[in-house]
Amino acid sequence: MKKLKKFLISFATVLLSSVVFPVACYAEGKLNVNLDGNNMQTVEIVIMLTLIALIPTILIMMSSFTRIIIVLSFLRNALGLQQTPPNQVLIGIALFLSLFIMSPVITEINKTAYEPYQKEQITQEQFLEKAQVPLKKFMLKQTKKEEINLFVKLSKTEIVKDNNVDKLSNEELLQKLPMTVVTPAFIISELKRAFMIGFLIFIPFLIIDMIVSSTLMSMGMIMLPPVMISLPFKLLLFVLVDGWSLLIKTLALSFN
């Protein structure tokens, strides 16, 4: 039990250092963490275990999962379905599709960072620096310069002259921008794109609702809910156009 606790604390420290804390927290290329059970306070253990619970959420927000799950939720609402497909199915689809989209990034991290670190060819600090590069490349490709400028200004740091990144190339951005700026900018860009895709999904189903509603009004069927009549037509339209394949293809191609 004591060995498991030490392993979890070490694992959380490595991941959180690469995502949340700046590289400046390292001294002489090593991360000094006291894992002696006699000196470690109970509060520190609780904090570490809490951070371990937050790691999946942090990693999900730094991948393609956010855009995919929001678009799938918009699709379900546009169809007028409350719990079909259930949340577990949507999350499963989003997870596996995210794994498919992020596989080149994972492969590059494994090749350039994890394997050399496992063979003790690089230090822990070098491992964290190399592991950030492919993930930062992916996020910067999906992030608009406006969002990056916003968080550069909000950070109030002299990362870029005049707080303007429009004239910088991706390689310069990789070198100058920390993860604490890239990650929130990436999240905001993902939310914007997901809402734009959701708006386009709503349009054809909204047209069906309007046609059904106006038809029922003209026939005097005021007491009959239009949703009951339009739902089968929405499902029929979605099946005829092979909606699932079209949506998954569009989501996969929407990532640069």
C-alpha atoms as a PDB file:
ATOM      1  CA  MET A   1       0.000   0.000   0.000  1.00  0.00           C
ATOM      2  CA  LYS A   2       2.847   2.355   0.840  1.00  0.00           C
ATOM      3  CA  LYS A   3       4.584   1.641  -2.490  1.00  0.00           C
ATOM      4  CA  LEU A   4       1.335   2.241  -4.377  1.00  0.00           C
ATOM      5  CA  LYS A   5       0.864   5.562  -2.615  1.00  0.00           C
ATOM      6  CA  LYS A   6       4.396   6.657  -3.512  1.00  0.00           C
ATOM      7  CA  PHE A   7       3.889   5.641  -7.137  1.00  0.00           C
ATOM      8  CA  LEU A   8       0.614   7.582  -7.450  1.00  0.00           C
ATOM      9  CA  ILE A   9       2.153  10.691  -5.911  1.00  0.00           C
ATOM     10  CA  SER A  10       5.154  10.501  -8.254  1.00  0.00           C
ATOM     11  CA  PHE A  11       2.924   9.944 -11.291  1.00  0.00           C
ATOM     12  CA  ALA A  12       0.693  12.894 -10.418  1.00  0.00           C
ATOM     13  CA  THR A  13       3.692  15.131  -9.844  1.00  0.00           C
ATOM     14  CA  VAL A  14       5.188  14.355 -13.259  1.00  0.00           C
ATOM     15  CA  LEU A  15       1.936  14.901 -15.177  1.00  0.00           C
ATOM     16  CA  LEU A  16       0.900  18.044 -13.355  1.00  0.00           C
ATOM     17  CA  SER A  17       4.368  19.534 -13.679  1.00  0.00           C
ATOM     18  CA  SER A  18       4.139  19.223 -17.463  1.00  0.00           C
ATOM     19  CA  VAL A  19       0.639  20.694 -17.677  1.00  0.00           C
ATOM     20  CA  VAL A  20       0.007  23.098 -14.821  1.00  0.00           C
ATOM     21  CA  PHE A  21       3.283  24.177 -13.318  1.00  0.00           C
ATOM     22  CA  PRO A  22       5.984  25.962 -15.337  1.00  0.00           C
ATOM     23  CA  VAL A  23       9.309  24.315 -15.987  1.00  0.00           C
ATOM     24  CA  ALA A  24      10.914  26.831 -13.660  1.00  0.00           C
ATOM     25  CA  CYS A  25       9.809  24.758 -10.673  1.00  0.00           C
ATOM     26  CA  TYR A  26      12.622  22.315 -11.459  1.00  0.00           C
ATOM     27  CA  ALA A  27      16.093  22.735 -10.031  1.00  0.00           C
ATOM     28  CA  GLU A  28      19.203  21.286 -11.613  1.00  0.00           C
ATOM     29  CA  GLY A  29      17.137  19.100 -13.961  1.00  0.00           C
ATOM     30  CA  LYS A  30      15.495  17.078 -11.179  1.00  0.00           C
ATOM     31  CA  LEU A  31      12.194  17.292  -9.381  1.00  0.00           C
ATOM     32  CA  ASN A  32      12.762  17.113  -5.650  1.00  0.00           C
ATOM     33  CA  VAL A  33       9.771  15.457  -4.037  1.00  0.00           C
ATOM     34  CA  ASN A  34      10.005  14.090  -0.522  1.00  0.00           C
ATOM     35  CA  LEU A  35       8.244  10.730  -0.508  1.00  0.00           C
ATOM     36  CA  ASP A  36       9.226   9.796   3.006  1.00  0.00           C
ATOM     37  CA  GLY A  37       6.055   8.787   4.794  1.00  0.00           C
ATOM     38  CA  ASN A  38       7.329  10.156   8.112  1.00  0.00           C
ATOM     39  CA  ASN A  39       7.772  13.700   6.834  1.00  0.00           C
ATOM     40  CA  MET A  40       4.893  13.993   4.396  1.00  0.00           C
ATOM     41  CA  GLN A  41       1.881  15.652   5.947  1.00  0.00           C
ATOM     42  CA  THR A  42      -1.633  14.287   5.619  1.00  0.00           C
ATOM     43  CA  VAL A  43      -2.797  17.483   3.902  1.00  0.00           C
ATOM     44  CA  GLU A  44      -0.153  17.088   1.191  1.00  0.00           C
ATOM     45  CA  ILE A  45      -1.276  13.515   0.522  1.00  0.00           C
ATOM     46  CA  VAL A  46      -4.898  14.658   0.225  1.00  0.00           C
ATOM     47  CA  ILE A  47      -3.885  17.431  -2.182  1.00  0.00           C
ATOM     48  CA  MET A  48      -1.880  15.006  -4.325  1.00  0.00           C
ATOM     49  CA  LEU A  49      -4.748  12.504  -4.490  1.00  0.00           C
ATOM     50  CA  THR A  50      -7.115  15.322  -5.438  1.00  0.00           C
ATOM     51  CA  LEU A  51      -4.781  16.386  -8.239  1.00  0.00           C
ATOM     52  CA  ILE A  52      -4.640  12.779  -9.465  1.00  0.00           C
ATOM     53  CA  ALA A  53      -8.435  12.869  -9.798  1.00  0.00           C
ATOM     54  CA  LEU A  54      -8.166  16.051 -11.891  1.00  0.00           C
ATOM     55  CA  ILE A  55      -5.584  14.651 -14.324  1.00  0.00           C
ATOM     56  CA  PRO A  56      -8.153  12.952 -16.658  1.00  0.00           C
ATOM     57  CA  THR A  57     -10.145  16.188 -16.884  1.00  0.00           C
ATOM     58  CA  ILE A  58      -7.016  18.204 -17.695  1.00  0.00           C
ATOM     59  CA  LEU A  59      -5.902  15.795 -20.401  1.00  0.00           C
ATOM     60  CA  ILE A  60      -9.417  15.629 -21.906  1.00  0.00           C
ATOM     61  CA  MET A  61      -9.514  19.421 -22.203  1.00  0.00           C
ATOM     62  CA  MET A  62      -6.177  19.335 -24.066  1.00  0.00           C
ATOM     63  CA  SER A  63      -7.392  16.902 -26.732  1.00  0.00           C
ATOM     64  CA  SER A  64     -10.110  16.718 -29.375  1.00  0.00           C
ATOM     65  CA  PHE A  65     -12.638  15.349 -26.866  1.00  0.00           C
ATOM     66  CA  THR A  66     -14.252  18.721 -26.077  1.00  0.00           C
ATOM     67  CA  ARG A  67     -15.327  19.521 -29.635  1.00  0.00           C
ATOM     68  CA  ILE A  68     -16.588  16.008 -30.329  1.00  0.00           C
ATOM     69  CA  ILE A  69     -18.743  15.595 -27.209  1.00  0.00           C
ATOM     70  CA  ILE A  70     -20.315  19.047 -27.620  1.00  0.00           C
ATOM     71  CA  VAL A  71     -21.204  18.369 -31.277  1.00  0.00           C
ATOM     72  CA  LEU A  72     -22.715  14.989 -30.365  1.00  0.00           C
ATOM     73  CA  SER A  73     -24.796  16.669 -27.650  1.00  0.00           C
ATOM     74  CA  PHE A  74     -26.013  19.273 -30.163  1.00  0.00           C
ATOM     75  CA  LEU A  75     -27.002  16.471 -32.531  1.00  0.00           C
ATOM     76  CA  ARG A  76     -29.071  14.729 -29.881  1.00  0.00           C
ATOM     77  CA  ASN A  77     -30.846  17.976 -28.987  1.00  0.00           C
ATOM     78  CA  ALA A  78     -31.447  18.813 -32.654  1.00  0.00           C
ATOM     79  CA  LEU A  79     -33.092  15.435 -33.212  1.00  0.00           C
ATOM     80  CA  GLY A  80     -35.335  16.069 -30.230  1.00  0.00           C
ATOM     81  CA  LEU A  81     -34.132  12.975 -28.379  1.00  0.00           C
ATOM     82  CA  GLN A  82     -33.721  13.348 -24.632  1.00  0.00           C
ATOM     83  CA  GLN A  83     -31.717  10.296 -23.575  1.00  0.00           C
ATOM     84  CA  THR A  84     -31.020   8.499 -26.870  1.00  0.00           C
ATOM     85  CA  PRO A  85     -28.165   7.814 -27.394  1.00  0.00           C
ATOM     86  CA  PRO A  86     -27.413   7.782 -23.643  1.00  0.00           C
ATOM     87  CA  ASN A  87     -24.584   9.813 -22.195  1.00  0.00           C
ATOM     88  CA  GLN A  88     -22.385   6.738 -21.775  1.00  0.00           C
ATOM     89  CA  VAL A  89     -22.604   5.983 -25.498  1.00  0.00           C
ATOM     90  CA  LEU A  90     -21.802   9.573 -26.497  1.00  0.00           C
ATOM     91  CA  ILE A  91     -18.828   9.694 -24.136  1.00  0.00           C
ATOM     92  CA  GLY A  92     -17.581   6.351 -25.472  1.00  0.00           C
ATOM     93  CA  ILE A  93     -17.835   7.560 -29.076  1.00  0.00           C
ATOM     94  CA  ALA A  94     -16.041  10.793 -28.183  1.00  0.00           C
ATOM     95  CA  LEU A  95     -13.264   8.954 -26.318  1.00  0.00           C
ATOM     96  CA  PHE A  96     -12.481   6.468 -29.075  1.00  0.00           C
ATOM     97  CA  LEU A  97     -12.739   9.096 -31.811  1.00  0.00           C
ATOM     98  CA  SER A  98     -10.418  11.329 -29.778  1.00  0.00           C
ATOM     99  CA  LEU A  99      -7.978   8.434 -29.458  1.00  0.00           C
ATOM    100  CA  PHE A 100      -8.109   7.969 -33.241  1.00  0.00           C
ATOM    101  CA  ILE A 101      -7.502  11.674 -33.919  1.00  0.00           C
ATOM    102  CA  MET A 102      -4.800  12.045 -31.251  1.00  0.00           C
ATOM    103  CA  SER A 103      -2.928   8.853 -32.200  1.00  0.00           C
ATOM    104  CA  PRO A 104      -0.222  10.715 -34.244  1.00  0.00           C
ATOM    105  CA  VAL A 105       0.408  13.019 -31.272  1.00  0.00           C
ATOM    106  CA  ILE A 106       0.576  10.092 -28.843  1.00  0.00           C
ATOM    107  CA  THR A 107       2.939   8.234 -31.165  1.00  0.00           C
ATOM    108  CA  GLU A 108       5.256  11.241 -31.439  1.00  0.00           C
ATOM    109  CA  ILE A 109       5.297  11.740 -27.665  1.00  0.00           C
ATOM    110  CA  ASN A 110       6.120   8.067 -27.175  1.00  0.00           C
ATOM    111  CA  LYS A 111       8.903   8.166 -29.779  1.00  0.00           C
ATOM    112  CA  THR A 112      10.552  11.472 -28.908  1.00  0.00           C
ATOM    113  CA  ALA A 113      10.022  11.639 -25.148  1.00  0.00           C
ATOM    114  CA  TYR A 114       8.896   8.462 -23.408  1.00  0.00           C
ATOM    115  CA  GLU A 115      11.182   5.900 -25.063  1.00  0.00           C
ATOM    116  CA  PRO A 116      14.401   7.951 -24.544  1.00  0.00           C
ATOM    117  CA  TYR A 117      13.347   8.634 -20.942  1.00  0.00           C
ATOM    118  CA  GLN A 118      12.634   4.944 -20.356  1.00  0.00           C
ATOM    119  CA  LYS A 119      16.097   4.101 -21.685  1.00  0.00           C
ATOM    120  CA  GLU A 120      17.565   6.793 -19.375  1.00  0.00           C
ATOM    121  CA  GLN A 121      18.901   8.763 -22.333  1.00  0.00           C
ATOM    122  CA  ILE A 122      17.288  12.016 -21.181  1.00  0.00           C
ATOM    123  CA  THR A 123      16.511  13.554 -17.809  1.00  0.00           C
ATOM    124  CA  GLN A 124      13.068  14.090 -16.321  1.00  0.00           C
ATOM    125  CA  GLU A 125      13.108  17.784 -17.228  1.00  0.00           C
ATOM    126  CA  GLN A 126      14.014  16.987 -20.847  1.00  0.00           C
ATOM    127  CA  PHE A 127      11.256  14.370 -20.953  1.00  0.00           C
ATOM    128  CA  LEU A 128       8.639  16.932 -19.881  1.00  0.00           C
ATOM    129  CA  GLU A 129       9.918  19.519 -22.365  1.00  0.00           C
ATOM    130  CA  LYS A 130       9.911  17.050 -25.270  1.00  0.00           C
ATOM    131  CA  ALA A 131       6.486  15.674 -24.339  1.00  0.00           C
ATOM    132  CA  GLN A 132       4.947  19.148 -24.435  1.00  0.00           C
ATOM    133  CA  VAL A 133       6.085  19.899 -28.000  1.00  0.00           C
ATOM    134  CA  PRO A 134       3.770  17.518 -29.977  1.00  0.00           C
ATOM    135  CA  LEU A 135       0.783  18.352 -27.777  1.00  0.00           C
ATOM    136  CA  LYS A 136       1.448  22.076 -28.109  1.00  0.00           C
ATOM    137  CA  LYS A 137       1.765  21.701 -31.903  1.00  0.00           C
ATOM    138  CA  PHE A 138      -1.624  20.023 -32.061  1.00  0.00           C
ATOM    139  CA  MET A 139      -3.315  22.663 -29.913  1.00  0.00           C
ATOM    140  CA  LEU A 140      -1.767  25.601 -31.767  1.00  0.00           C
ATOM    141  CA  LYS A 141      -2.985  24.224 -35.117  1.00  0.00           C
ATOM    142  CA  GLN A 142      -6.554  24.282 -33.775  1.00  0.00           C
ATOM    143  CA  THR A 143      -6.256  27.623 -31.978  1.00  0.00           C
ATOM    144  CA  LYS A 144      -6.949  30.988 -33.537  1.00  0.00           C
ATOM    145  CA  LYS A 145      -4.497  33.806 -33.078  1.00  0.00           C
ATOM    146  CA  GLU A 146      -7.229  35.991 -31.543  1.00  0.00           C
ATOM    147  CA  GLU A 147      -7.626  33.644 -28.579  1.00  0.00           C
ATOM    148  CA  ILE A 148      -3.861  33.377 -28.119  1.00  0.00           C
ATOM    149  CA  ASN A 149      -3.567  37.178 -28.144  1.00  0.00           C
ATOM    150  CA  LEU A 150      -6.350  37.386 -25.562  1.00  0.00           C
ATOM    151  CA  PHE A 151      -4.645  35.117 -23.044  1.00  0.00           C
ATOM    152  CA  VAL A 152      -1.218  36.609 -23.717  1.00  0.00           C
ATOM    153  CA  LYS A 153      -2.653  39.987 -22.743  1.00  0.00           C
ATOM    154  CA  LEU A 154      -4.520  38.575 -19.744  1.00  0.00           C
ATOM    155  CA  SER A 155      -1.364  36.868 -18.476  1.00  0.00           C
ATOM    156  CA  LYS A 156       0.361  40.284 -18.306  1.00  0.00           C
ATOM    157  CA  THR A 157       3.717  38.776 -19.125  1.00  0.00           C
ATOM    158  CA  GLU A 158       6.230  39.903 -21.731  1.00  0.00           C
ATOM    159  CA  ILE A 159       6.094  36.654 -23.693  1.00  0.00           C
ATOM    160  CA  VAL A 160       5.725  38.471 -26.999  1.00  0.00           C
ATOM    161  CA  LYS A 161       6.577  42.041 -27.851  1.00  0.00           C
ATOM    162  CA  ASP A 162       3.481  44.274 -27.872  1.00  0.00           C
ATOM    163  CA  ASN A 163       1.441  41.194 -26.829  1.00  0.00           C
ATOM    164  CA  ASN A 164       0.764  40.346 -30.481  1.00  0.00           C
ATOM    165  CA  VAL A 165       1.419  36.888 -31.901  1.00  0.00           C
ATOM    166  CA  ASP A 166       0.024  37.468 -35.403  1.00  0.00           C
ATOM    167  CA  LYS A 167       3.481  37.860 -36.943  1.00  0.00           C
ATOM    168  CA  LEU A 168       4.996  34.818 -35.272  1.00  0.00           C
ATOM    169  CA  SER A 169       5.301  31.419 -36.915  1.00  0.00           C
ATOM    170  CA  ASN A 170       4.209  28.195 -35.259  1.00  0.00           C
ATOM    171  CA  GLU A 171       7.789  27.306 -34.356  1.00  0.00           C
ATOM    172  CA  GLU A 172       8.269  30.640 -32.596  1.00  0.00           C
ATOM    173  CA  LEU A 173       4.979  30.186 -30.773  1.00  0.00           C
ATOM    174  CA  LEU A 174       6.096  26.747 -29.610  1.00  0.00           C
ATOM    175  CA  GLN A 175       9.234  28.235 -28.115  1.00  0.00           C
ATOM    176  CA  LYS A 176       7.698  31.325 -26.500  1.00  0.00           C
ATOM    177  CA  LEU A 177       4.208  30.400 -25.339  1.00  0.00           C
ATOM    178  CA  PRO A 178       3.816  28.274 -22.183  1.00  0.00           C
ATOM    179  CA  MET A 179       1.105  25.650 -21.733  1.00  0.00           C
ATOM    180  CA  THR A 180      -0.704  27.935 -19.300  1.00  0.00           C
ATOM    181  CA  VAL A 181      -1.451  30.272 -22.236  1.00  0.00           C
ATOM    182  CA  VAL A 182      -1.931  27.726 -25.018  1.00  0.00           C
ATOM    183  CA  THR A 183      -4.357  25.469 -23.116  1.00  0.00           C
ATOM    184  CA  PRO A 184      -7.121  28.024 -22.287  1.00  0.00           C
ATOM    185  CA  ALA A 185      -6.823  29.547 -25.770  1.00  0.00           C
ATOM    186  CA  PHE A 186      -7.237  26.077 -27.262  1.00  0.00           C
ATOM    187  CA  ILE A 187     -10.310  25.393 -25.107  1.00  0.00           C
ATOM    188  CA  ILE A 188     -12.020  28.632 -26.158  1.00  0.00           C
ATOM    189  CA  SER A 189     -11.303  27.920 -29.835  1.00  0.00           C
ATOM    190  CA  GLU A 190     -12.729  24.407 -29.465  1.00  0.00           C
ATOM    191  CA  LEU A 191     -15.900  25.783 -27.881  1.00  0.00           C
ATOM    192  CA  LYS A 192     -16.354  28.274 -30.721  1.00  0.00           C
ATOM    193  CA  ARG A 193     -15.908  25.633 -33.421  1.00  0.00           C
ATOM    194  CA  ALA A 194     -18.191  23.182 -31.638  1.00  0.00           C
ATOM    195  CA  PHE A 195     -20.974  25.768 -31.393  1.00  0.00           C
ATOM    196  CA  MET A 196     -20.572  26.689 -35.069  1.00  0.00           C
ATOM    197  CA  ILE A 197     -20.885  23.028 -36.083  1.00  0.00           C
ATOM    198  CA  GLY A 198     -23.868  22.662 -33.748  1.00  0.00           C
ATOM    199  CA  PHE A 199     -25.582  25.625 -35.421  1.00  0.00           C
ATOM    200  CA  LEU A 200     -25.157  24.029 -38.845  1.00  0.00           C
ATOM    201  CA  ILE A 201     -26.545  20.743 -37.509  1.00  0.00           C
ATOM    202  CA  PHE A 202     -29.643  22.450 -36.142  1.00  0.00           C
ATOM    203  CA  ILE A 203     -30.645  24.116 -39.445  1.00  0.00           C
ATOM    204  CA  PRO A 204     -32.110  21.128 -41.391  1.00  0.00           C
ATOM    205  CA  PHE A 205     -33.938  19.785 -38.343  1.00  0.00           C
ATOM    206  CA  LEU A 206     -35.290  23.253 -37.559  1.00  0.00           C
ATOM    207  CA  ILE A 207     -36.691  23.465 -41.098  1.00  0.00           C
ATOM    208  CA  ILE A 208     -38.514  20.155 -40.565  1.00  0.00           C
ATOM    209  CA  ASP A 209     -39.972  21.475 -37.288  1.00  0.00           C
ATOM    210  CA  MET A 210     -41.205  24.641 -39.023  1.00  0.00           C
ATOM    211  CA  ILE A 211     -42.802  22.704 -41.890  1.00  0.00           C
ATOM    212  CA  VAL A 212     -44.554  20.274 -39.554  1.00  0.00           C
ATOM    213  CA  SER A 213     -45.696  23.066 -37.237  1.00  0.00           C
ATOM    214  CA  SER A 214     -47.120  25.193 -40.058  1.00  0.00           C
ATOM    215  CA  THR A 215     -48.847  22.156 -41.572  1.00  0.00           C
ATOM    216  CA  LEU A 216     -50.515  21.268 -38.280  1.00  0.00           C
ATOM    217  CA  MET A 217     -51.599  24.871 -37.780  1.00  0.00           C
ATOM    218  CA  SER A 218     -53.168  25.003 -41.243  1.00  0.00           C
ATOM    219  CA  MET A 219     -55.027  21.756 -40.535  1.00  0.00           C
ATOM    220  CA  GLY A 220     -56.335  23.090 -37.220  1.00  0.00           C
ATOM    221  CA  MET A 221     -54.507  20.487 -35.125  1.00  0.00           C
ATOM    222  CA  ILE A 222     -53.435  22.939 -32.475  1.00  0.00           C
ATOM    223  CA  MET A 223     -53.546  20.470 -29.576  1.00  0.00           C
ATOM    224  CA  LEU A 224     -51.240  17.944 -31.289  1.00  0.00           C
ATOM    225  CA  PRO A 225     -47.574  18.553 -30.311  1.00  0.00           C
ATOM    226  CA  PRO A 226     -45.503  19.159 -33.476  1.00  0.00           C
ATOM    227  CA  VAL A 227     -42.549  17.311 -31.891  1.00  0.00           C
ATOM    228  CA  MET A 228     -44.414  14.009 -32.017  1.00  0.00           C
ATOM    229  CA  ILE A 229     -44.916  14.356 -35.773  1.00  0.00           C
ATOM    230  CA  SER A 230     -41.536  15.862 -36.685  1.00  0.00           C
ATOM    231  CA  LEU A 231     -39.418  13.351 -34.722  1.00  0.00           C
ATOM    232  CA  PRO A 232     -39.959  10.401 -37.120  1.00  0.00           C
ATOM    233  CA  PHE A 233     -39.184  12.650 -40.106  1.00  0.00           C
ATOM    234  CA  LYS A 234     -35.972  13.844 -38.442  1.00  0.00           C
ATOM    235  CA  LEU A 235     -34.877  10.276 -37.801  1.00  0.00           C
ATOM    236  CA  LEU A 236     -35.774   9.301 -41.371  1.00  0.00           C
ATOM    237  CA  LEU A 237     -33.752  12.202 -42.789  1.00  0.00           C
ATOM    238  CA  PHE A 238     -30.777  11.408 -40.572  1.00  0.00           C
ATOM    239  CA  VAL A 239     -30.800   7.735 -41.603  1.00  0.00           C
ATOM    240  CA  LEU A 240     -31.258   8.442 -45.322  1.00  0.00           C
ATOM    241  CA  VAL A 241     -28.263  10.782 -45.503  1.00  0.00           C
ATOM    242  CA  ASP A 242     -26.133   8.330 -43.462  1.00  0.00           C
ATOM    243  CA  GLY A 243     -25.848  10.930 -40.736  1.00  0.00           C
ATOM    244  CA  TRP A 244     -23.500   9.119 -38.361  1.00  0.00           C
ATOM    245  CA  SER A 245     -20.850   8.451 -40.984  1.00  0.00           C
ATOM    246  CA  LEU A 246     -21.169  11.977 -42.346  1.00  0.00           C
ATOM    247  CA  LEU A 247     -20.892  13.538 -38.888  1.00  0.00           C
ATOM    248  CA  ILE A 248     -17.898  11.431 -37.804  1.00  0.00           C
ATOM    249  CA  LYS A 249     -16.120  12.142 -41.097  1.00  0.00           C
ATOM    250  CA  THR A 250     -16.759  15.860 -40.736  1.00  0.00           C
ATOM    251  CA  LEU A 251     -15.487  15.895 -37.149  1.00  0.00           C
ATOM    252  CA  ALA A 252     -12.328  13.991 -38.059  1.00  0.00           C
ATOM    253  CA  LEU A 253     -11.596  16.274 -41.026  1.00  0.00           C
ATOM    254  CA  SER A 254     -12.312  19.413 -38.980  1.00  0.00           C
ATOM    255  CA  PHE A 255      -9.020  18.906 -37.131  1.00  0.00           C
ATOM    256  CA  ASN A 256      -6.023  20.221 -39.049  1.00  0.00           C
END
